[in-house]
C-alpha atoms as a PDB file:
ATOM      1  CA  MET A   1       0.000   0.000   0.000  1.00  0.00           C
ATOM      2  CA  PRO A   2       1.321   3.485  -0.772  1.00  0.00           C
ATOM      3  CA  ASP A   3       2.238   5.659   2.206  1.00  0.00           C
ATOM      4  CA  VAL A   4      -0.837   7.128   3.844  1.00  0.00           C
ATOM      5  CA  ALA A   5      -1.194   9.705   6.574  1.00  0.00           C
ATOM      6  CA  ARG A   6      -0.899   8.174  10.017  1.00  0.00           C
ATOM      7  CA  PRO A   7      -2.147   9.143  13.449  1.00  0.00           C
ATOM      8  CA  LYS A   8       0.296  10.290  16.116  1.00  0.00           C
ATOM      9  CA  PHE A   9       0.965   7.749  18.858  1.00  0.00           C
ATOM     10  CA  LEU A  10       2.019   8.688  22.410  1.00  0.00           C
ATOM     11  CA  TYR A  11       3.417   5.958  24.676  1.00  0.00           C
ATOM     12  CA  TYR A  12       2.463   6.237  28.351  1.00  0.00           C
ATOM     13  CA  GLY A  13       4.416   3.177  29.452  1.00  0.00           C
ATOM     14  CA  HIS A  14       3.447  -0.465  29.997  1.00  0.00           C
ATOM     15  CA  SER A  15       0.624  -1.065  27.474  1.00  0.00           C
ATOM     16  CA  THR A  16      -1.064   2.331  27.491  1.00  0.00           C
ATOM     17  CA  VAL A  17      -1.030   4.110  24.132  1.00  0.00           C
ATOM     18  CA  GLY A  18      -2.639   7.391  23.142  1.00  0.00           C
ATOM     19  CA  VAL A  19      -3.695   7.937  19.529  1.00  0.00           C
ATOM     20  CA  GLN A  20      -4.189  11.425  18.122  1.00  0.00           C
ATOM     21  CA  LEU A  21      -6.188  11.271  14.905  1.00  0.00           C
ATOM     22  CA  LEU A  22      -5.700  13.622  11.989  1.00  0.00           C
ATOM     23  CA  ASP A  23      -8.930  15.442  12.868  1.00  0.00           C
ATOM     24  CA  GLY A  24      -7.681  16.106  16.414  1.00  0.00           C
ATOM     25  CA  GLN A  25      -9.764  13.471  18.185  1.00  0.00           C
ATOM     26  CA  THR A  26      -7.989  11.252  20.708  1.00  0.00           C
ATOM     27  CA  VAL A  27      -8.200   7.581  21.635  1.00  0.00           C
ATOM     28  CA  LEU A  28      -6.649   6.055  24.753  1.00  0.00           C
ATOM     29  CA  ILE A  29      -5.882   2.340  24.585  1.00  0.00           C
ATOM     30  CA  ASP A  30      -5.759   0.512  27.933  1.00  0.00           C
ATOM     31  CA  PRO A  31      -6.199   3.488  30.279  1.00  0.00           C
ATOM     32  CA  TRP A  32      -3.722   2.995  33.125  1.00  0.00           C
ATOM     33  CA  VAL A  33      -1.913   6.236  33.872  1.00  0.00           C
ATOM     34  CA  GLU A  34      -1.724   7.474  37.458  1.00  0.00           C
ATOM     35  CA  GLY A  35      -1.245   3.972  38.837  1.00  0.00           C
ATOM     36  CA  ASN A  36       1.272   3.145  36.116  1.00  0.00           C
ATOM     37  CA  PRO A  37       4.824   3.297  37.531  1.00  0.00           C
ATOM     38  CA  MET A  38       6.223   3.760  34.018  1.00  0.00           C
ATOM     39  CA  CYS A  39       4.072   6.789  33.212  1.00  0.00           C
ATOM     40  CA  PRO A  40       5.660  10.234  33.755  1.00  0.00           C
ATOM     41  CA  GLU A  41       3.628  12.432  36.088  1.00  0.00           C
ATOM     42  CA  SER A  42       3.564  15.097  33.381  1.00  0.00           C
ATOM     43  CA  LEU A  43       1.242  12.820  31.370  1.00  0.00           C
ATOM     44  CA  TYR A  44      -1.397  12.392  34.075  1.00  0.00           C
ATOM     45  CA  GLU A  45      -3.540  15.248  32.771  1.00  0.00           C
ATOM     46  CA  PHE A  46      -5.486  15.175  29.491  1.00  0.00           C
ATOM     47  CA  ASP A  47      -7.100  17.993  27.549  1.00  0.00           C
ATOM     48  CA  LYS A  48      -9.702  15.485  26.415  1.00  0.00           C
ATOM     49  CA  ILE A  49     -10.235  11.812  25.688  1.00  0.00           C
ATOM     50  CA  ASP A  50     -12.731  11.026  22.940  1.00  0.00           C
ATOM     51  CA  ALA A  51     -12.677   7.215  23.163  1.00  0.00           C
ATOM     52  CA  PHE A  52     -11.258   4.300  25.123  1.00  0.00           C
ATOM     53  CA  LEU A  53     -10.279   0.907  23.739  1.00  0.00           C
ATOM     54  CA  ILE A  54      -9.842  -1.619  26.565  1.00  0.00           C
ATOM     55  CA  THR A  55      -8.249  -4.966  25.727  1.00  0.00           C
ATOM     56  CA  HIS A  56      -9.056  -6.800  28.961  1.00  0.00           C
ATOM     57  CA  ALA A  57     -10.016  -6.349  32.578  1.00  0.00           C
ATOM     58  CA  HIS A  58      -6.716  -6.491  34.465  1.00  0.00           C
ATOM     59  CA  MET A  59      -5.888  -3.418  36.532  1.00  0.00           C
ATOM     60  CA  ASP A  60      -2.684  -2.735  34.597  1.00  0.00           C
ATOM     61  CA  HIS A  61      -4.827  -2.173  31.503  1.00  0.00           C
ATOM     62  CA  MET A  62      -7.968  -0.458  32.792  1.00  0.00           C
ATOM     63  CA  GLY A  63      -7.028   0.707  36.275  1.00  0.00           C
ATOM     64  CA  ASP A  64      -7.882   4.351  35.557  1.00  0.00           C
ATOM     65  CA  ALA A  65     -10.805   3.765  33.203  1.00  0.00           C
ATOM     66  CA  VAL A  66     -13.542   4.740  35.646  1.00  0.00           C
ATOM     67  CA  GLU A  67     -11.882   7.906  36.923  1.00  0.00           C
ATOM     68  CA  LEU A  68     -10.779   9.122  33.492  1.00  0.00           C
ATOM     69  CA  ALA A  69     -14.219   8.410  32.035  1.00  0.00           C
ATOM     70  CA  ARG A  70     -15.828  10.467  34.777  1.00  0.00           C
ATOM     71  CA  ARG A  71     -13.483  13.389  34.116  1.00  0.00           C
ATOM     72  CA  HIS A  72     -13.556  13.402  30.318  1.00  0.00           C
ATOM     73  CA  GLN A  73     -16.835  11.750  29.278  1.00  0.00           C
ATOM     74  CA  PRO A  74     -15.480   9.938  26.198  1.00  0.00           C
ATOM     75  CA  LYS A  75     -17.883   9.557  23.301  1.00  0.00           C
ATOM     76  CA  LYS A  76     -17.313   5.798  23.205  1.00  0.00           C
ATOM     77  CA  VAL A  77     -15.866   3.287  25.666  1.00  0.00           C
ATOM     78  CA  VAL A  78     -15.076   0.096  23.765  1.00  0.00           C
ATOM     79  CA  ALA A  79     -14.522  -3.218  25.549  1.00  0.00           C
ATOM     80  CA  SER A  80     -16.026  -6.671  25.939  1.00  0.00           C
ATOM     81  CA  PHE A  81     -19.681  -6.906  26.956  1.00  0.00           C
ATOM     82  CA  GLU A  82     -18.664  -8.040  30.442  1.00  0.00           C
ATOM     83  CA  ILE A  83     -16.230  -5.160  31.010  1.00  0.00           C
ATOM     84  CA  CYS A  84     -18.795  -2.666  29.742  1.00  0.00           C
ATOM     85  CA  ASN A  85     -21.371  -4.124  32.117  1.00  0.00           C
ATOM     86  CA  TRP A  86     -18.946  -3.666  35.035  1.00  0.00           C
ATOM     87  CA  LEU A  87     -17.999  -0.133  33.971  1.00  0.00           C
ATOM     88  CA  GLY A  88     -21.673   0.737  33.662  1.00  0.00           C
ATOM     89  CA  SER A  89     -22.191  -0.363  37.261  1.00  0.00           C
ATOM     90  CA  LYS A  90     -19.570   2.246  38.213  1.00  0.00           C
ATOM     91  CA  GLY A  91     -21.390   5.013  36.370  1.00  0.00           C
ATOM     92  CA  VAL A  92     -19.398   5.037  33.132  1.00  0.00           C
ATOM     93  CA  GLU A  93     -21.505   6.119  30.143  1.00  0.00           C
ATOM     94  CA  ASN A  94     -21.344   5.832  26.337  1.00  0.00           C
ATOM     95  CA  LEU A  95     -20.410   2.170  26.504  1.00  0.00           C
ATOM     96  CA  ALA A  96     -19.849   0.356  23.196  1.00  0.00           C
ATOM     97  CA  PRO A  97     -19.502  -3.379  23.919  1.00  0.00           C
ATOM     98  CA  MET A  98     -18.321  -5.790  21.253  1.00  0.00           C
ATOM     99  CA  GLY A  99     -17.036  -9.326  20.765  1.00  0.00           C
ATOM    100  CA  LEU A 100     -14.211 -11.110  18.997  1.00  0.00           C
ATOM    101  CA  GLY A 101     -14.408 -10.783  15.229  1.00  0.00           C
ATOM    102  CA  GLY A 102     -16.808  -7.859  15.373  1.00  0.00           C
ATOM    103  CA  SER A 103     -16.176  -4.351  14.057  1.00  0.00           C
ATOM    104  CA  GLN A 104     -17.682  -0.982  14.818  1.00  0.00           C
ATOM    105  CA  ASN A 105     -17.225   2.666  13.914  1.00  0.00           C
ATOM    106  CA  VAL A 106     -15.419   4.643  16.597  1.00  0.00           C
ATOM    107  CA  LEU A 107     -14.733   8.314  15.801  1.00  0.00           C
ATOM    108  CA  GLY A 108     -14.623   7.415  12.112  1.00  0.00           C
ATOM    109  CA  LEU A 109     -12.253   4.496  12.710  1.00  0.00           C
ATOM    110  CA  GLU A 110     -13.057   0.905  11.827  1.00  0.00           C
ATOM    111  CA  VAL A 111     -12.272  -0.909  15.082  1.00  0.00           C
ATOM    112  CA  THR A 112     -12.155  -4.709  15.021  1.00  0.00           C
ATOM    113  CA  MET A 113     -11.788  -6.774  18.184  1.00  0.00           C
ATOM    114  CA  VAL A 114      -9.433  -9.699  17.576  1.00  0.00           C
ATOM    115  CA  ARG A 115      -8.316 -12.679  19.585  1.00  0.00           C
ATOM    116  CA  ALA A 116      -5.755 -12.588  22.380  1.00  0.00           C
ATOM    117  CA  ASP A 117      -4.661 -15.621  24.416  1.00  0.00           C
ATOM    118  CA  HIS A 118      -4.875 -14.339  27.981  1.00  0.00           C
ATOM    119  CA  SER A 119      -7.252 -14.067  30.951  1.00  0.00           C
ATOM    120  CA  SER A 120      -9.577 -11.178  31.835  1.00  0.00           C
ATOM    121  CA  GLY A 121     -10.861 -11.197  35.416  1.00  0.00           C
ATOM    122  CA  ILE A 122     -11.736  -8.067  37.406  1.00  0.00           C
ATOM    123  CA  ILE A 123     -10.594  -8.166  41.031  1.00  0.00           C
ATOM    124  CA  GLU A 124     -12.821  -5.895  43.090  1.00  0.00           C
ATOM    125  CA  ASP A 125     -11.369  -3.995  46.063  1.00  0.00           C
ATOM    126  CA  ALA A 126      -8.247  -6.159  46.316  1.00  0.00           C
ATOM    127  CA  GLY A 127      -5.807  -3.260  46.579  1.00  0.00           C
ATOM    128  CA  GLU A 128      -2.224  -4.449  46.332  1.00  0.00           C
ATOM    129  CA  GLN A 129      -2.884  -7.742  48.136  1.00  0.00           C
ATOM    130  CA  PRO A 130      -4.246 -11.028  46.779  1.00  0.00           C
ATOM    131  CA  GLY A 131      -7.920 -11.476  47.479  1.00  0.00           C
ATOM    132  CA  GLY A 132     -11.129  -9.672  46.723  1.00  0.00           C
ATOM    133  CA  GLU A 133     -14.045 -10.849  44.626  1.00  0.00           C
ATOM    134  CA  ILE A 134     -13.252 -11.715  41.015  1.00  0.00           C
ATOM    135  CA  PHE A 135     -15.773 -10.709  38.343  1.00  0.00           C
ATOM    136  CA  ASP A 136     -15.850 -12.153  34.831  1.00  0.00           C
ATOM    137  CA  GLY A 137     -14.268  -9.723  32.358  1.00  0.00           C
ATOM    138  CA  GLY A 138     -15.170 -11.794  29.310  1.00  0.00           C
ATOM    139  CA  VAL A 139     -12.472 -12.698  26.822  1.00  0.00           C
ATOM    140  CA  ALA A 140      -9.168 -10.896  26.455  1.00  0.00           C
ATOM    141  CA  SER A 141      -8.656  -9.211  23.101  1.00  0.00           C
ATOM    142  CA  GLY A 142      -6.534  -7.089  20.837  1.00  0.00           C
ATOM    143  CA  TYR A 143      -7.687  -4.470  18.332  1.00  0.00           C
ATOM    144  CA  CYS A 144      -7.068  -3.834  14.667  1.00  0.00           C
ATOM    145  CA  VAL A 145      -7.838  -0.212  13.889  1.00  0.00           C
ATOM    146  CA  ARG A 146      -8.190   1.193  10.368  1.00  0.00           C
ATOM    147  CA  THR A 147      -8.298   4.934   9.825  1.00  0.00           C
ATOM    148  CA  ALA A 148     -10.359   6.725   7.189  1.00  0.00           C
ATOM    149  CA  GLU A 149      -7.099   7.218   5.263  1.00  0.00           C
ATOM    150  CA  GLY A 150      -6.566   3.428   5.086  1.00  0.00           C
ATOM    151  CA  PHE A 151      -3.794   3.033   7.673  1.00  0.00           C
ATOM    152  CA  CYS A 152      -4.203  -0.020   9.912  1.00  0.00           C
ATOM    153  CA  PHE A 153      -2.486  -0.637  13.244  1.00  0.00           C
ATOM    154  CA  TYR A 154      -2.749  -3.471  15.756  1.00  0.00           C
ATOM    155  CA  HIS A 155      -2.639  -3.363  19.551  1.00  0.00           C
ATOM    156  CA  ALA A 156      -2.169  -6.911  20.793  1.00  0.00           C
ATOM    157  CA  GLY A 157      -3.152  -6.351  24.417  1.00  0.00           C
ATOM    158  CA  ASP A 158      -1.742  -9.160  26.551  1.00  0.00           C
ATOM    159  CA  THR A 159      -1.298 -12.345  24.590  1.00  0.00           C
ATOM    160  CA  ALA A 160       0.749 -15.389  23.764  1.00  0.00           C
ATOM    161  CA  VAL A 161       1.756 -15.960  20.167  1.00  0.00           C
ATOM    162  CA  PHE A 162      -0.773 -18.037  18.218  1.00  0.00           C
ATOM    163  CA  SER A 163      -0.685 -19.226  14.634  1.00  0.00           C
ATOM    164  CA  ASP A 164      -4.025 -17.585  13.780  1.00  0.00           C
ATOM    165  CA  MET A 165      -2.214 -14.254  13.855  1.00  0.00           C
ATOM    166  CA  LYS A 166      -1.764 -15.166  10.193  1.00  0.00           C
ATOM    167  CA  LEU A 167      -5.528 -14.658   9.806  1.00  0.00           C
ATOM    168  CA  ILE A 168      -5.221 -11.193  11.357  1.00  0.00           C
ATOM    169  CA  ALA A 169      -2.609 -10.427   8.706  1.00  0.00           C
ATOM    170  CA  GLU A 170      -4.758 -11.821   5.904  1.00  0.00           C
ATOM    171  CA  LEU A 171      -7.933 -10.034   6.961  1.00  0.00           C
ATOM    172  CA  TYR A 172      -6.709  -6.647   8.224  1.00  0.00           C
ATOM    173  CA  ARG A 173      -3.086  -6.244   7.048  1.00  0.00           C
ATOM    174  CA  PRO A 174      -1.821  -4.050   9.893  1.00  0.00           C
ATOM    175  CA  THR A 175       1.533  -2.432   9.161  1.00  0.00           C
ATOM    176  CA  LEU A 176       2.255  -1.203  12.697  1.00  0.00           C
ATOM    177  CA  GLY A 177       1.867  -3.329  15.818  1.00  0.00           C
ATOM    178  CA  PHE A 178       2.130  -2.734  19.547  1.00  0.00           C
ATOM    179  CA  VAL A 179       3.246  -6.106  20.913  1.00  0.00           C
ATOM    180  CA  PRO A 180       4.026  -7.288  24.455  1.00  0.00           C
ATOM    181  CA  VAL A 181       7.553  -8.616  25.018  1.00  0.00           C
ATOM    182  CA  GLY A 182       7.925  -8.776  28.809  1.00  0.00           C
ATOM    183  CA  ASP A 183       7.454 -12.554  29.204  1.00  0.00           C
ATOM    184  CA  LEU A 184       5.899 -14.473  32.133  1.00  0.00           C
ATOM    185  CA  PHE A 185       2.323 -13.156  31.694  1.00  0.00           C
ATOM    186  CA  THR A 186       2.589 -12.526  27.924  1.00  0.00           C
ATOM    187  CA  MET A 187       4.861 -13.294  25.016  1.00  0.00           C
ATOM    188  CA  GLY A 188       8.566 -12.945  25.576  1.00  0.00           C
ATOM    189  CA  PRO A 189      10.945 -11.561  22.937  1.00  0.00           C
ATOM    190  CA  ARG A 190      11.272 -14.836  21.005  1.00  0.00           C
ATOM    191  CA  GLU A 191       7.523 -15.385  20.762  1.00  0.00           C
ATOM    192  CA  ALA A 192       6.880 -11.713  19.978  1.00  0.00           C
ATOM    193  CA  ALA A 193       9.329 -11.877  17.074  1.00  0.00           C
ATOM    194  CA  LEU A 194       7.465 -14.865  15.625  1.00  0.00           C
ATOM    195  CA  ALA A 195       4.210 -12.940  16.099  1.00  0.00           C
ATOM    196  CA  CYS A 196       5.630 -10.136  13.946  1.00  0.00           C
ATOM    197  CA  LYS A 197       6.415 -12.676  11.257  1.00  0.00           C
ATOM    198  CA  PHE A 198       2.888 -14.114  11.356  1.00  0.00           C
ATOM    199  CA  LEU A 199       1.372 -10.612  11.304  1.00  0.00           C
ATOM    200  CA  GLY A 200       3.570  -9.309   8.477  1.00  0.00           C
ATOM    201  CA  LEU A 201       4.284  -6.099  10.381  1.00  0.00           C
ATOM    202  CA  GLU A 202       6.492  -3.389   8.934  1.00  0.00           C
ATOM    203  CA  GLN A 203       6.997  -1.721  12.335  1.00  0.00           C
ATOM    204  CA  ALA A 204       6.669  -3.138  15.845  1.00  0.00           C
ATOM    205  CA  VAL A 205       6.629  -1.195  19.112  1.00  0.00           C
ATOM    206  CA  PRO A 206       7.460  -3.325  22.171  1.00  0.00           C
ATOM    207  CA  ILE A 207       5.113  -2.849  25.141  1.00  0.00           C
ATOM    208  CA  HIS A 208       4.388  -4.552  28.496  1.00  0.00           C
ATOM    209  CA  PHE A 209       7.995  -4.826  29.650  1.00  0.00           C
ATOM    210  CA  GLY A 210      10.052  -3.495  32.570  1.00  0.00           C
ATOM    211  CA  THR A 211       7.090  -2.223  34.601  1.00  0.00           C
ATOM    212  CA  PHE A 212       7.674  -4.840  37.282  1.00  0.00           C
ATOM    213  CA  PRO A 213      10.823  -6.920  37.948  1.00  0.00           C
ATOM    214  CA  VAL A 214       9.123 -10.129  36.793  1.00  0.00           C
ATOM    215  CA  LEU A 215       8.691  -8.705  33.263  1.00  0.00           C
ATOM    216  CA  THR A 216      12.213  -9.578  32.173  1.00  0.00           C
ATOM    217  CA  GLY A 217      11.875  -9.467  28.380  1.00  0.00           C
ATOM    218  CA  THR A 218      13.548  -6.442  26.803  1.00  0.00           C
ATOM    219  CA  PRO A 219      13.247  -4.506  23.551  1.00  0.00           C
ATOM    220  CA  ALA A 220      16.923  -5.238  22.852  1.00  0.00           C
ATOM    221  CA  GLU A 221      16.322  -8.983  22.996  1.00  0.00           C
ATOM    222  CA  PHE A 222      13.166  -8.555  20.931  1.00  0.00           C
ATOM    223  CA  ARG A 223      15.147  -6.700  18.261  1.00  0.00           C
ATOM    224  CA  SER A 224      17.752  -9.474  18.314  1.00  0.00           C
ATOM    225  CA  GLN A 225      15.110 -12.166  17.874  1.00  0.00           C
ATOM    226  CA  VAL A 226      13.528 -10.276  14.969  1.00  0.00           C
ATOM    227  CA  ALA A 227      16.960 -10.138  13.318  1.00  0.00           C
ATOM    228  CA  THR A 228      17.539 -13.850  13.978  1.00  0.00           C
ATOM    229  CA  LEU A 229      14.316 -14.694  12.155  1.00  0.00           C
ATOM    230  CA  GLY A 230      15.325 -12.456   9.260  1.00  0.00           C
ATOM    231  CA  ILE A 231      12.055 -10.514   9.397  1.00  0.00           C
ATOM    232  CA  ASP A 232      11.793  -7.249   7.496  1.00  0.00           C
ATOM    233  CA  CYS A 233      10.254  -5.462  10.465  1.00  0.00           C
ATOM    234  CA  SER A 234      11.592  -2.330  12.124  1.00  0.00           C
ATOM    235  CA  VAL A 235      11.556  -2.421  15.936  1.00  0.00           C
ATOM    236  CA  VAL A 236      10.727   1.031  17.308  1.00  0.00           C
ATOM    237  CA  GLU A 237      11.488   1.314  21.014  1.00  0.00           C
ATOM    238  CA  LEU A 238       9.561   4.119  22.712  1.00  0.00           C
ATOM    239  CA  ALA A 239      10.279   5.422  26.186  1.00  0.00           C
ATOM    240  CA  PRO A 240       7.269   6.646  28.175  1.00  0.00           C
ATOM    241  CA  GLY A 241       6.450  10.096  26.854  1.00  0.00           C
ATOM    242  CA  ASP A 242       7.858   9.398  23.375  1.00  0.00           C
ATOM    243  CA  THR A 243       5.741   9.810  20.268  1.00  0.00           C
ATOM    244  CA  LEU A 244       5.674   7.992  16.929  1.00  0.00           C
END
């Protein structure tokens, strides 16, 4: 595909990504900011948030969803039916539930919810300690997002590598992907590199690494594994606060 105009992406750390569209509207993927130890304090405040995309229910992906939704009243909050039901019980409005394989229009974007191999429980009132009541968050997911200009990007959420990523490539042809590399709870660098091969990505941004000591996978090792596989994919490492 010829070069097309792309949105501007702002990395908040961990898996949180802000997307500024060409018309000035903003999307926040996996809203975890103030509780996110990787996020600079200077990024805690937003002028506005027009939409959320939430991949799954874990606190390190939606920990600030309720508070940010109350402050900014996004036009659409996209997540699984179960997450939307839970958010609605907390007073969040403009919910736009969907399921795997489905697509919907969000701010003029074609947003498709795609498979992720992960869990998605909501732990209520557990704080930093194990315990608390666990609510069903539905299935974990990723998103393929196509802009009006024809540019498609992929946010994998938390996932293992799976061979049906080849179907994501065949159906949606994303050229840019945000892929977890931290290992233990998601893909590590080796698996993430194979995911890039399956997806046919031209650019890959490593996410979900370094936030906690147990997330030992690194962008450097990811880049090395991509090179080992001989994949024509550029690894773009972003520090929190960097833009692409």
